[in-house]
Amino acid sequence: MRRVNLRAARPLALTFPPTPRPRLRGDRVRRREIVALLGAVAAWPLGARAQQPALPVIGFLDGWYQEGFEPYVAAFRQGLSETGHIEGKHVTIECRWAQGDYNQLPALVADLIQRKAAVILTGATPVTRAAKAASTTVPIVFVIGADPIKVGFVASLNRPGGNVTGVSFLANSLLPKQFEVLHETLPKTASIGFLVNPVNPNAESDTRDVQAAAYALGRKLSAIQARTDSDFETAFATLGQNGVGALCVDIDPFFITRPHQLVALAARHALPAIYPLREFATGAGLMSYGSSFTDAYYQGGIYAGRILNGADPAGLPVQQAVKVELVINLKIAKTLGLPIPLSLLGRADEVIE
């Protein structure tokens, strides 16, 4: 028998399967897939937002300048928000201004219609007329001082019957009353001036109404025209040359956006004046008598919101803003050395001391 020396025997070699090498290329593929997936997840909200429908567009169209109209646009926004429509969150408001050139109105209306305006608010009669001529389907909410039946915008106040409705406020019809208030304040003044814008469609009729009021009171009327800022200096100088002792300012979109200029010129010429809006009297004018534009545009905002909520303009009655304010600034009266009759102070809605 053969003997085997176990100590001298070589140890058995134990073998194991080789450790697999990392699959670097596969790992890179998987990393790219994960990164792409994470990127898609991160980008998803942006894509979702991009696919959301655009906010409804409301057009705010006026024939004059944005400067000076900010309080009325703010009042419109307030009325709109009270119906559940906040600018930038629920709706987009596109403002358009003709800057005194009514020939631009058809193009401005066409632009708003092209932008798919859900409703258009129009300030003043010529603006409403241009919008109504451009569309019989887009809802139009007007804010005007004229009789909407007489100018042909609606069939009746209770049931307008078309795509046009809105707010009608007392404006031009108050001119004779303004003249009477000014006469009561200065009963011995023989000549009173009337500042009017010749491009205003109501210029001739307004002048006739004030002329009739002057004639009835035995006063001489001096009508002075102004259509641009540069006309104001000449107009007030002419009033002084004509010996005018007081001034009545017509209600005109251009004038109501220039309260500071008109009040400053009246102060410089020491000319007592009555204005159509309270903003003149609260801004250092002698007195004002007229409707509240702020309230009218607020009501216009409510109507625009109701139409967005599904109301048919044909069945929305025309709102009549009948709020009329007499505001007297006693500080300015004292500066002019002008005593205000107690009877007039008793009728004033606001007295600034």
Protein backbone atom coordinates (compact mmCIF):
# COMPACT_ATOMS: atom_id res chain seq x y z
CA MET A 1 0.00 0.00 0.00
CA ARG A 2 1.25 3.38 -0.90
CA ARG A 3 1.39 5.93 1.85
CA VAL A 4 0.62 9.52 1.24
CA ASN A 5 2.28 12.29 3.25
CA LEU A 6 -0.62 14.61 4.00
CA ARG A 7 1.63 17.38 5.27
CA ALA A 8 3.58 17.40 2.06
CA ALA A 9 0.49 17.35 -0.11
CA ARG A 10 -0.28 20.58 -1.89
CA PRO A 11 -3.43 22.25 -0.72
CA LEU A 12 -6.45 22.00 -2.89
CA ALA A 13 -7.13 25.16 -4.94
CA LEU A 14 -10.62 26.49 -4.26
CA THR A 15 -12.09 28.40 -7.17
CA PHE A 16 -15.06 30.87 -7.12
CA PRO A 17 -16.95 32.38 -10.03
CA PRO A 18 -15.45 35.77 -11.03
CA THR A 19 -17.10 38.91 -9.59
CA PRO A 20 -19.03 40.58 -12.38
CA ARG A 21 -17.67 44.01 -13.48
CA PRO A 22 -19.93 47.02 -13.10
CA ARG A 23 -22.04 47.72 -16.13
CA LEU A 24 -21.18 51.37 -16.38
CA ARG A 25 -23.01 51.98 -19.61
CA GLY A 26 -26.22 50.51 -18.25
CA ASP A 27 -25.94 52.66 -15.13
CA ARG A 28 -25.56 55.74 -17.26
CA VAL A 29 -28.69 54.83 -19.18
CA ARG A 30 -30.64 54.37 -15.97
CA ARG A 31 -29.41 57.70 -14.59
CA ARG A 32 -30.47 59.46 -17.76
CA GLU A 33 -33.91 57.91 -17.51
CA ILE A 34 -34.28 59.01 -13.87
CA VAL A 35 -33.11 62.55 -14.62
CA ALA A 36 -35.51 62.79 -17.55
CA LEU A 37 -38.36 61.54 -15.40
CA LEU A 38 -37.61 64.05 -12.65
CA GLY A 39 -37.40 66.82 -15.23
CA ALA A 40 -40.77 65.90 -16.66
CA VAL A 41 -42.31 65.92 -13.18
CA ALA A 42 -40.81 69.33 -12.42
CA ALA A 43 -42.02 70.78 -15.69
CA TRP A 44 -45.52 69.38 -15.46
CA PRO A 45 -47.13 72.30 -13.54
CA LEU A 46 -45.77 74.78 -16.10
CA GLY A 47 -47.22 72.80 -18.94
CA ALA A 48 -50.50 72.46 -17.13
CA ARG A 49 -50.66 76.19 -16.57
CA ALA A 50 -49.91 76.87 -20.22
CA GLN A 51 -52.84 74.70 -21.23
CA GLN A 52 -55.32 76.48 -18.96
CA PRO A 53 -57.84 78.73 -20.74
CA ALA A 54 -57.05 82.45 -20.91
CA LEU A 55 -58.86 84.84 -18.59
CA PRO A 56 -61.95 86.58 -20.01
CA VAL A 57 -61.17 90.00 -21.46
CA ILE A 58 -63.11 93.14 -20.51
CA GLY A 59 -62.61 96.21 -22.68
CA PHE A 60 -62.61 99.66 -21.04
CA LEU A 61 -62.95 102.22 -23.83
CA ASP A 62 -62.98 105.99 -23.48
CA GLY A 63 -62.59 108.87 -25.88
CA TRP A 64 -60.07 110.85 -23.87
CA TYR A 65 -56.92 110.40 -21.82
CA GLN A 66 -56.01 107.93 -19.12
CA GLU A 67 -54.62 110.76 -17.01
CA GLY A 68 -57.32 111.89 -14.62
CA PHE A 69 -59.55 108.85 -15.18
CA GLU A 70 -57.82 106.62 -12.62
CA PRO A 71 -60.49 107.15 -9.90
CA TYR A 72 -63.24 106.06 -12.28
CA VAL A 73 -61.33 103.01 -13.50
CA ALA A 74 -60.78 102.09 -9.85
CA ALA A 75 -64.52 102.47 -9.17
CA PHE A 76 -65.24 100.21 -12.14
CA ARG A 77 -62.85 97.58 -10.76
CA GLN A 78 -64.54 97.76 -7.37
CA GLY A 79 -67.98 97.16 -8.84
CA LEU A 80 -66.60 94.32 -10.94
CA SER A 81 -64.95 92.67 -7.93
CA GLU A 82 -68.22 92.71 -5.99
CA THR A 83 -69.67 90.36 -8.59
CA GLY A 84 -66.78 87.93 -8.09
CA HIS A 85 -64.39 89.12 -10.81
CA ILE A 86 -60.97 90.41 -9.71
CA GLU A 87 -58.56 91.76 -12.32
CA GLY A 88 -55.58 89.48 -12.85
CA LYS A 89 -57.26 86.59 -11.03
CA HIS A 90 -60.54 86.11 -12.84
CA VAL A 91 -60.50 88.65 -15.69
CA THR A 92 -58.18 90.81 -17.77
CA ILE A 93 -59.08 94.48 -18.29
CA GLU A 94 -57.85 96.05 -21.54
CA CYS A 95 -58.06 99.87 -21.45
CA ARG A 96 -58.15 101.87 -24.67
CA TRP A 97 -58.01 105.69 -24.87
CA ALA A 98 -58.79 107.74 -28.00
CA GLN A 99 -56.95 110.75 -26.50
CA GLY A 100 -59.50 113.20 -27.82
CA ASP A 101 -59.46 111.89 -31.39
CA TYR A 102 -62.87 110.30 -31.98
CA ASN A 103 -61.68 109.13 -35.41
CA GLN A 104 -59.64 106.47 -33.59
CA LEU A 105 -62.69 104.91 -31.97
CA PRO A 106 -63.60 102.40 -34.75
CA ALA A 107 -60.04 101.00 -34.76
CA LEU A 108 -59.97 100.78 -30.95
CA VAL A 109 -63.30 98.96 -30.89
CA ALA A 110 -62.12 96.58 -33.63
CA ASP A 111 -59.01 95.80 -31.59
CA LEU A 112 -61.07 94.87 -28.53
CA ILE A 113 -63.39 92.70 -30.62
CA GLN A 114 -60.36 90.97 -32.16
CA ARG A 115 -59.12 90.24 -28.64
CA LYS A 116 -62.43 88.42 -28.00
CA ALA A 117 -63.64 90.90 -25.38
CA ALA A 118 -66.46 89.31 -23.39
CA VAL A 119 -67.92 92.75 -22.61
CA ILE A 120 -66.94 96.34 -23.46
CA LEU A 121 -67.53 99.31 -21.16
CA THR A 122 -67.92 102.60 -23.03
CA GLY A 123 -67.64 106.06 -21.49
CA ALA A 124 -69.50 108.90 -23.26
CA THR A 125 -72.04 108.90 -26.08
CA PRO A 126 -69.68 108.95 -29.12
CA VAL A 127 -67.74 105.99 -27.73
CA THR A 128 -70.91 103.96 -27.23
CA ARG A 129 -72.10 104.85 -30.72
CA ALA A 130 -68.83 103.57 -32.25
CA ALA A 131 -69.01 100.30 -30.27
CA LYS A 132 -72.66 99.72 -31.14
CA ALA A 133 -71.93 100.27 -34.84
CA ALA A 134 -69.12 97.71 -34.72
CA SER A 135 -70.99 94.79 -33.16
CA THR A 136 -74.52 93.60 -32.50
CA THR A 137 -73.38 90.61 -30.45
CA VAL A 138 -70.60 91.73 -28.07
CA PRO A 139 -72.25 92.99 -24.84
CA ILE A 140 -71.73 96.73 -24.32
CA VAL A 141 -72.15 98.53 -20.99
CA PHE A 142 -72.29 102.31 -21.36
CA VAL A 143 -71.73 105.06 -18.79
CA ILE A 144 -73.22 108.20 -20.35
CA GLY A 145 -74.89 111.46 -19.42
CA ALA A 146 -77.30 111.41 -22.36
CA ASP A 147 -80.77 109.86 -22.66
CA PRO A 148 -80.02 106.35 -24.05
CA ILE A 149 -83.45 106.13 -25.70
CA LYS A 150 -83.16 109.51 -27.39
CA VAL A 151 -79.70 108.71 -28.82
CA GLY A 152 -80.92 105.30 -30.05
CA PHE A 153 -78.91 102.94 -27.84
CA VAL A 154 -81.84 101.07 -26.25
CA ALA A 155 -85.48 100.41 -27.03
CA SER A 156 -86.58 101.17 -23.47
CA LEU A 157 -85.01 101.68 -20.06
CA ASN A 158 -86.62 98.58 -18.56
CA ARG A 159 -85.85 96.24 -21.46
CA PRO A 160 -83.01 97.53 -23.64
CA GLY A 161 -83.67 94.75 -26.14
CA GLY A 162 -80.22 94.35 -27.72
CA ASN A 163 -76.56 93.95 -26.81
CA VAL A 164 -76.36 97.40 -25.18
CA THR A 165 -77.28 98.48 -21.63
CA GLY A 166 -75.60 100.44 -18.87
CA VAL A 167 -75.78 103.48 -16.62
CA SER A 168 -77.31 106.86 -17.47
CA PHE A 169 -76.54 109.76 -15.16
CA LEU A 170 -77.61 113.38 -15.04
CA ALA A 171 -75.02 115.51 -16.79
CA ASN A 172 -75.74 118.09 -19.48
CA SER A 173 -79.27 118.63 -18.17
CA LEU A 174 -77.77 120.04 -14.96
CA LEU A 175 -76.03 122.97 -16.67
CA PRO A 176 -78.91 125.46 -16.18
CA LYS A 177 -78.99 124.51 -12.49
CA GLN A 178 -75.23 125.05 -12.20
CA PHE A 179 -75.70 128.47 -13.72
CA GLU A 180 -78.43 129.27 -11.19
CA VAL A 181 -76.20 128.20 -8.26
CA LEU A 182 -73.41 130.42 -9.54
CA HIS A 183 -75.86 133.32 -9.95
CA GLU A 184 -77.15 132.79 -6.40
CA THR A 185 -73.57 132.96 -5.14
CA LEU A 186 -72.79 136.13 -7.12
CA PRO A 187 -76.12 137.90 -7.64
CA LYS A 188 -74.51 141.19 -8.72
CA THR A 189 -72.29 139.70 -11.42
CA ALA A 190 -73.49 140.98 -14.79
CA SER A 191 -71.45 138.69 -17.05
CA ILE A 192 -70.76 134.98 -16.56
CA GLY A 193 -68.42 132.89 -18.68
CA PHE A 194 -69.04 129.40 -20.05
CA LEU A 195 -66.06 127.19 -20.91
CA VAL A 196 -66.95 124.66 -23.63
CA ASN A 197 -65.05 122.20 -25.81
CA PRO A 198 -66.02 122.74 -29.47
CA VAL A 199 -65.28 119.13 -30.46
CA ASN A 200 -67.76 117.79 -27.90
CA PRO A 201 -70.92 116.62 -29.76
CA ASN A 202 -73.02 118.38 -27.10
CA ALA A 203 -71.18 121.71 -27.32
CA GLU A 204 -73.84 123.56 -29.30
CA SER A 205 -76.83 122.28 -27.32
CA ASP A 206 -75.06 122.92 -24.00
CA THR A 207 -74.26 126.48 -25.04
CA ARG A 208 -77.90 127.07 -26.03
CA ASP A 209 -79.14 125.73 -22.68
CA VAL A 210 -76.78 127.93 -20.67
CA GLN A 211 -77.58 130.93 -22.89
CA ALA A 212 -81.28 130.42 -22.14
CA ALA A 213 -80.56 130.21 -18.41
CA ALA A 214 -78.51 133.43 -18.57
CA TYR A 215 -81.23 135.23 -20.48
CA ALA A 216 -83.87 134.14 -17.94
CA LEU A 217 -81.75 135.61 -15.10
CA GLY A 218 -80.93 138.78 -17.01
CA ARG A 219 -77.24 137.96 -17.24
CA LYS A 220 -74.81 138.21 -20.14
CA LEU A 221 -73.12 134.98 -21.22
CA SER A 222 -69.60 134.86 -22.63
CA ALA A 223 -68.94 131.43 -24.19
CA ILE A 224 -65.22 130.59 -24.47
CA GLN A 225 -63.86 127.54 -26.28
CA ALA A 226 -60.92 125.28 -25.40
CA ARG A 227 -60.00 121.95 -26.98
CA THR A 228 -56.33 121.52 -25.94
CA ASP A 229 -54.14 122.31 -22.94
CA SER A 230 -52.62 125.25 -24.78
CA ASP A 231 -56.08 126.79 -25.26
CA PHE A 232 -56.67 127.24 -21.53
CA GLU A 233 -54.34 130.22 -21.05
CA THR A 234 -55.90 132.08 -23.97
CA ALA A 235 -59.43 131.24 -22.81
CA PHE A 236 -58.92 132.62 -19.29
CA ALA A 237 -57.16 135.70 -20.60
CA THR A 238 -60.14 136.34 -22.90
CA LEU A 239 -62.55 135.97 -19.98
CA GLY A 240 -60.63 138.66 -18.11
CA GLN A 241 -60.65 140.98 -21.13
CA ASN A 242 -64.43 140.54 -21.46
CA GLY A 243 -64.99 141.56 -17.84
CA VAL A 244 -66.43 138.18 -16.86
CA GLY A 245 -67.07 137.94 -13.11
CA ALA A 246 -67.65 134.18 -12.76
CA LEU A 247 -67.24 130.96 -14.74
CA CYS A 248 -69.33 127.85 -15.42
CA VAL A 249 -67.35 124.86 -16.77
CA ASP A 250 -69.10 122.48 -19.15
CA ILE A 251 -69.12 118.74 -18.41
CA ASP A 252 -66.66 117.44 -20.96
CA PRO A 253 -64.34 114.38 -20.85
CA PHE A 254 -61.32 116.54 -21.64
CA PHE A 255 -62.12 119.09 -18.93
CA ILE A 256 -62.78 116.52 -16.21
CA THR A 257 -59.30 115.05 -16.76
CA ARG A 258 -57.76 118.50 -16.19
CA PRO A 259 -59.11 119.55 -12.75
CA HIS A 260 -55.79 120.83 -11.41
CA GLN A 261 -55.09 123.01 -14.46
CA LEU A 262 -58.53 124.59 -14.51
CA VAL A 263 -58.63 125.20 -10.76
CA ALA A 264 -55.14 126.73 -10.83
CA LEU A 265 -56.06 129.09 -13.68
CA ALA A 266 -59.26 130.17 -11.93
CA ALA A 267 -57.24 130.91 -8.77
CA ARG A 268 -54.63 132.87 -10.70
CA HIS A 269 -57.31 135.04 -12.31
CA ALA A 270 -59.29 135.27 -9.02
CA LEU A 271 -62.32 133.98 -10.93
CA PRO A 272 -65.10 132.24 -8.96
CA ALA A 273 -66.10 129.09 -10.82
CA ILE A 274 -68.54 126.20 -10.60
CA TYR A 275 -67.49 122.79 -11.92
CA PRO A 276 -69.40 119.64 -12.94
CA LEU A 277 -67.69 117.18 -10.55
CA ARG A 278 -66.91 117.13 -6.84
CA GLU A 279 -63.25 116.34 -7.54
CA PHE A 280 -62.81 119.99 -8.61
CA ALA A 281 -64.16 121.40 -5.34
CA THR A 282 -62.24 118.95 -3.16
CA GLY A 283 -59.14 119.86 -5.16
CA ALA A 284 -59.23 123.61 -4.33
CA GLY A 285 -62.06 124.69 -6.64
CA LEU A 286 -64.79 127.00 -5.32
CA MET A 287 -67.80 124.74 -5.83
CA SER A 288 -69.21 121.87 -7.86
CA TYR A 289 -72.67 120.69 -8.77
CA GLY A 290 -73.21 117.47 -10.67
CA SER A 291 -73.61 113.71 -10.71
CA SER A 292 -71.16 111.33 -9.11
CA PHE A 293 -68.96 109.85 -11.85
CA THR A 294 -67.45 107.49 -9.30
CA ASP A 295 -70.84 106.01 -8.50
CA ALA A 296 -71.75 105.72 -12.20
CA TYR A 297 -68.59 103.77 -13.09
CA TYR A 298 -69.02 101.62 -10.00
CA GLN A 299 -72.49 100.66 -11.24
CA GLY A 300 -70.98 100.01 -14.68
CA GLY A 301 -68.55 97.54 -13.11
CA ILE A 302 -71.40 95.69 -11.43
CA TYR A 303 -73.24 95.40 -14.75
CA ALA A 304 -70.15 94.11 -16.55
CA GLY A 305 -69.75 91.47 -13.85
CA ARG A 306 -73.40 90.43 -14.06
CA ILE A 307 -73.03 89.91 -17.81
CA LEU A 308 -69.93 87.77 -17.23
CA ASN A 309 -72.02 85.76 -14.78
CA GLY A 310 -74.52 85.00 -17.53
CA ALA A 311 -76.99 87.91 -17.55
CA ASP A 312 -78.38 88.95 -20.93
CA PRO A 313 -77.85 92.70 -21.62
CA ALA A 314 -81.17 92.76 -23.49
CA GLY A 315 -82.96 92.16 -20.19
CA LEU A 316 -80.79 94.29 -17.88
CA PRO A 317 -82.63 97.56 -17.20
CA VAL A 318 -80.67 100.75 -17.71
CA GLN A 319 -79.53 102.04 -14.34
CA GLN A 320 -80.21 105.71 -13.69
CA ALA A 321 -77.64 107.28 -11.40
CA VAL A 322 -79.59 110.20 -9.99
CA LYS A 323 -77.19 111.09 -7.17
CA VAL A 324 -76.38 114.80 -7.51
CA GLU A 325 -73.93 116.57 -5.21
CA LEU A 326 -73.40 120.22 -4.31
CA VAL A 327 -69.94 120.72 -2.79
CA ILE A 328 -68.76 124.12 -1.53
CA ASN A 329 -65.16 124.89 -0.58
CA LEU A 330 -65.31 127.63 2.07
CA LYS A 331 -61.52 127.89 2.19
CA ILE A 332 -61.47 129.03 -1.43
CA ALA A 333 -64.45 131.31 -0.86
CA LYS A 334 -62.56 133.08 1.94
CA THR A 335 -59.48 133.37 -0.28
CA LEU A 336 -61.64 135.07 -2.92
CA GLY A 337 -63.33 137.23 -0.31
CA LEU A 338 -66.64 135.75 -1.37
CA PRO A 339 -69.46 135.29 1.17
CA ILE A 340 -71.55 132.18 0.51
CA PRO A 341 -75.31 132.61 1.21
CA LEU A 342 -76.55 130.60 4.18
CA SER A 343 -79.40 129.25 2.05
CA LEU A 344 -76.86 127.74 -0.31
CA LEU A 345 -74.73 126.31 2.49
CA GLY A 346 -77.82 124.67 3.94
CA ARG A 347 -78.46 122.84 0.65
CA ALA A 348 -74.85 121.69 0.20
CA ASP A 349 -74.08 117.99 0.42
CA GLU A 350 -70.54 118.77 1.59
CA VAL A 351 -68.90 121.93 2.90
CA ILE A 352 -65.11 122.02 3.01
CA GLU A 353 -63.84 124.34 5.76
